[in-house]
Every structure is written in structure tokens, then in C-alpha cells.
N, C-alpha and C. Protein backbone atom coordinates (compact mmCIF):
# COMPACT_ATOMS: atom_id res chain seq x y z
N MET A 1 -23.48 -28.12 -88.95
CA MET A 1 -23.98 -27.70 -87.84
C MET A 1 -25.42 -27.01 -88.08
N LYS A 2 -26.47 -27.81 -87.36
CA LYS A 2 -27.99 -27.15 -87.20
C LYS A 2 -28.35 -25.88 -86.53
N LEU A 3 -28.81 -24.86 -87.38
CA LEU A 3 -28.64 -23.56 -86.94
C LEU A 3 -29.94 -23.53 -85.88
N HIS A 4 -29.53 -22.88 -84.81
CA HIS A 4 -30.31 -22.54 -83.52
C HIS A 4 -31.01 -21.36 -83.49
N ALA A 5 -32.26 -21.74 -82.65
CA ALA A 5 -32.77 -20.22 -82.16
C ALA A 5 -33.06 -19.86 -81.09
N PHE A 6 -32.31 -19.57 -80.04
CA PHE A 6 -32.57 -18.93 -78.44
C PHE A 6 -33.95 -18.05 -78.24
N VAL A 7 -34.66 -18.40 -77.90
CA VAL A 7 -35.91 -17.52 -77.41
C VAL A 7 -35.69 -16.96 -76.00
N ALA A 8 -35.72 -15.81 -76.06
CA ALA A 8 -35.71 -14.53 -74.78
C ALA A 8 -37.06 -14.09 -74.73
N MET A 9 -37.84 -14.87 -73.53
CA MET A 9 -39.16 -13.92 -73.82
C MET A 9 -39.76 -14.22 -72.35
N PRO A 10 -41.02 -13.45 -71.85
CA PRO A 10 -41.62 -14.10 -70.48
C PRO A 10 -42.19 -15.17 -70.52
N PHE A 11 -42.28 -16.31 -69.49
CA PHE A 11 -42.76 -17.39 -69.13
C PHE A 11 -43.93 -17.41 -68.27
N GLY A 12 -44.89 -18.92 -68.07
CA GLY A 12 -45.66 -18.78 -67.17
C GLY A 12 -46.94 -17.51 -67.88
N ILE A 13 -48.03 -17.42 -66.83
CA ILE A 13 -49.14 -16.52 -66.93
C ILE A 13 -48.60 -15.53 -66.63
N LYS A 14 -49.04 -14.09 -67.45
CA LYS A 14 -48.48 -13.03 -66.92
C LYS A 14 -50.00 -12.00 -67.21
N ARG A 15 -50.24 -10.94 -66.42
CA ARG A 15 -51.26 -10.12 -67.26
C ARG A 15 -50.77 -9.00 -67.56
N ASP A 16 -51.05 -8.27 -68.88
CA ASP A 16 -50.91 -7.33 -69.81
C ASP A 16 -51.19 -5.87 -68.75
N SER A 17 -51.30 -4.80 -69.27
CA SER A 17 -51.59 -3.09 -68.45
C SER A 17 -52.67 -3.24 -68.67
N GLU A 18 -53.91 -3.97 -69.08
CA GLU A 18 -55.45 -3.65 -69.27
C GLU A 18 -56.02 -4.92 -68.15
N GLY A 19 -55.14 -5.68 -67.49
CA GLY A 19 -55.22 -7.25 -67.04
C GLY A 19 -55.86 -8.33 -67.43
N ASN A 20 -55.60 -8.16 -68.84
CA ASN A 20 -55.92 -9.67 -70.02
C ASN A 20 -54.82 -10.66 -69.85
N THR A 21 -54.89 -11.85 -69.35
CA THR A 21 -54.48 -12.74 -68.91
C THR A 21 -53.62 -13.22 -69.99
N ILE A 22 -52.45 -13.09 -70.07
CA ILE A 22 -51.57 -14.21 -71.50
C ILE A 22 -50.86 -14.90 -70.65
N ASP A 23 -51.00 -16.27 -71.35
CA ASP A 23 -50.36 -17.50 -71.11
C ASP A 23 -49.21 -17.65 -71.92
N PHE A 24 -48.04 -17.31 -71.38
CA PHE A 24 -46.61 -17.32 -72.24
C PHE A 24 -46.32 -18.55 -72.69
N ASN A 25 -46.17 -19.45 -71.99
CA ASN A 25 -45.60 -20.97 -72.27
C ASN A 25 -46.82 -21.38 -73.27
N ARG A 26 -48.02 -21.33 -73.42
CA ARG A 26 -48.73 -21.76 -74.67
C ARG A 26 -48.44 -20.70 -75.74
N VAL A 27 -47.83 -19.82 -75.75
CA VAL A 27 -47.80 -19.10 -76.92
C VAL A 27 -46.48 -19.39 -77.57
N TYR A 28 -45.67 -19.84 -76.34
CA TYR A 28 -44.23 -20.39 -77.18
C TYR A 28 -44.60 -21.53 -77.71
N ALA A 29 -45.15 -22.61 -76.77
CA ALA A 29 -45.23 -24.17 -77.28
C ALA A 29 -46.10 -24.17 -78.50
N GLU A 30 -47.58 -23.42 -79.12
CA GLU A 30 -48.46 -23.62 -79.67
C GLU A 30 -47.59 -22.49 -81.18
N LEU A 31 -46.97 -21.73 -80.83
CA LEU A 31 -47.02 -20.83 -82.05
C LEU A 31 -45.78 -20.24 -82.44
N ILE A 32 -44.62 -19.79 -81.37
CA ILE A 32 -43.01 -19.41 -81.54
C ILE A 32 -42.43 -20.88 -81.76
N LYS A 33 -42.23 -21.86 -80.91
CA LYS A 33 -41.44 -22.83 -81.11
C LYS A 33 -41.97 -23.84 -82.35
N PRO A 34 -43.05 -24.13 -82.66
CA PRO A 34 -43.37 -25.00 -84.00
C PRO A 34 -43.70 -24.10 -85.25
N SER A 35 -43.45 -22.80 -85.30
CA SER A 35 -43.11 -21.84 -86.92
C SER A 35 -41.67 -21.97 -86.94
N LEU A 36 -40.77 -21.96 -85.48
CA LEU A 36 -39.10 -21.79 -85.90
C LEU A 36 -38.89 -23.04 -86.08
N GLU A 37 -39.18 -23.83 -85.58
CA GLU A 37 -38.82 -25.77 -86.37
C GLU A 37 -39.39 -25.98 -87.16
N ALA A 38 -40.59 -25.56 -87.75
CA ALA A 38 -40.69 -25.58 -89.10
C ALA A 38 -40.00 -25.21 -90.01
N THR A 39 -38.82 -24.21 -89.51
CA THR A 39 -37.92 -23.56 -90.82
C THR A 39 -36.90 -24.28 -90.37
N GLY A 40 -36.72 -25.31 -89.65
CA GLY A 40 -35.22 -26.23 -89.58
C GLY A 40 -34.84 -25.93 -88.62
N LEU A 41 -34.65 -24.82 -87.79
CA LEU A 41 -34.33 -24.41 -86.30
C LEU A 41 -33.98 -25.35 -85.17
N ASP A 42 -33.43 -25.33 -84.52
CA ASP A 42 -32.81 -26.17 -83.04
C ASP A 42 -33.45 -25.20 -82.31
N VAL A 43 -34.72 -25.38 -81.67
CA VAL A 43 -35.80 -24.10 -81.05
C VAL A 43 -35.42 -24.55 -79.56
N PHE A 44 -34.92 -23.13 -78.49
CA PHE A 44 -34.95 -23.25 -76.84
C PHE A 44 -35.33 -22.02 -76.33
N ARG A 45 -35.87 -22.13 -75.44
CA ARG A 45 -36.18 -20.95 -74.65
C ARG A 45 -35.53 -20.71 -73.30
N ALA A 46 -34.71 -19.46 -72.99
CA ALA A 46 -34.46 -19.52 -71.80
C ALA A 46 -34.27 -20.20 -70.42
N ASP A 47 -35.52 -19.97 -70.03
CA ASP A 47 -35.78 -21.09 -68.91
C ASP A 47 -35.96 -22.46 -69.04
N GLU A 48 -35.73 -23.21 -70.45
CA GLU A 48 -35.54 -24.25 -70.74
C GLU A 48 -33.78 -24.87 -70.40
N GLU A 49 -33.13 -24.10 -70.07
CA GLU A 49 -31.43 -24.36 -70.25
C GLU A 49 -31.51 -24.23 -68.65
N HIS A 50 -30.74 -25.43 -68.11
CA HIS A 50 -30.69 -25.15 -66.45
C HIS A 50 -28.95 -24.99 -66.21
N ARG A 51 -28.27 -25.37 -67.44
CA ARG A 51 -27.17 -24.63 -67.06
C ARG A 51 -26.90 -23.40 -67.07
N ALA A 52 -25.57 -23.31 -66.38
CA ALA A 52 -25.27 -21.91 -66.10
C ALA A 52 -23.72 -21.91 -67.07
N GLY A 53 -23.31 -20.30 -67.49
CA GLY A 53 -22.83 -20.25 -68.38
C GLY A 53 -22.89 -19.55 -69.64
N ASP A 54 -21.70 -19.52 -70.08
CA ASP A 54 -21.60 -18.57 -71.91
C ASP A 54 -22.85 -19.52 -72.70
N ILE A 55 -23.91 -18.57 -73.44
CA ILE A 55 -24.59 -18.86 -74.21
C ILE A 55 -23.83 -19.42 -75.24
N TRP A 56 -22.99 -18.94 -75.85
CA TRP A 56 -22.45 -19.55 -76.95
C TRP A 56 -21.91 -20.83 -76.87
N ALA A 57 -21.66 -21.56 -75.40
CA ALA A 57 -21.35 -22.79 -75.28
C ALA A 57 -22.72 -23.54 -75.84
N LEU A 58 -23.55 -23.32 -75.15
CA LEU A 58 -25.01 -24.03 -75.91
C LEU A 58 -25.34 -24.18 -77.19
N LEU A 59 -24.75 -23.68 -78.18
CA LEU A 59 -24.58 -23.55 -79.35
C LEU A 59 -24.06 -24.68 -79.99
N LYS A 60 -22.83 -24.97 -79.29
CA LYS A 60 -21.98 -26.01 -80.35
C LYS A 60 -22.32 -27.52 -80.01
């Protein structure tokens, strides 16, 4: 069975406490996901899952 990485993080564009814009979709797509995939993990983010239910069921 291939190992999985479930990423729970903000998504979309948000502002930090100083008013700077952070594009969390870009952070995930360009940094987090490729880094985890490079280690051989199957990666998905919470907002990419459209089914309801037990998270463990998604990993089977």
C-alpha cells in the first residue's frame, strides 16, 4: 500500500496579521505537494476531497 499525506491547511488567498497577502493554493501546489510527492507519498489536501465520511476510509 502506498503511504499517504493528508494536508490540512488554509486554502485560497488570505491576509496575515500585517496585511500581507498569502496565496495558500500556490504554497501548496508549488512547495508542499511536490516536496511530499518527491518522497513517494500520495498527497491530497482537505479541500480536494469531495466525499463526506471517515478520513481513514479515504486512505484505503
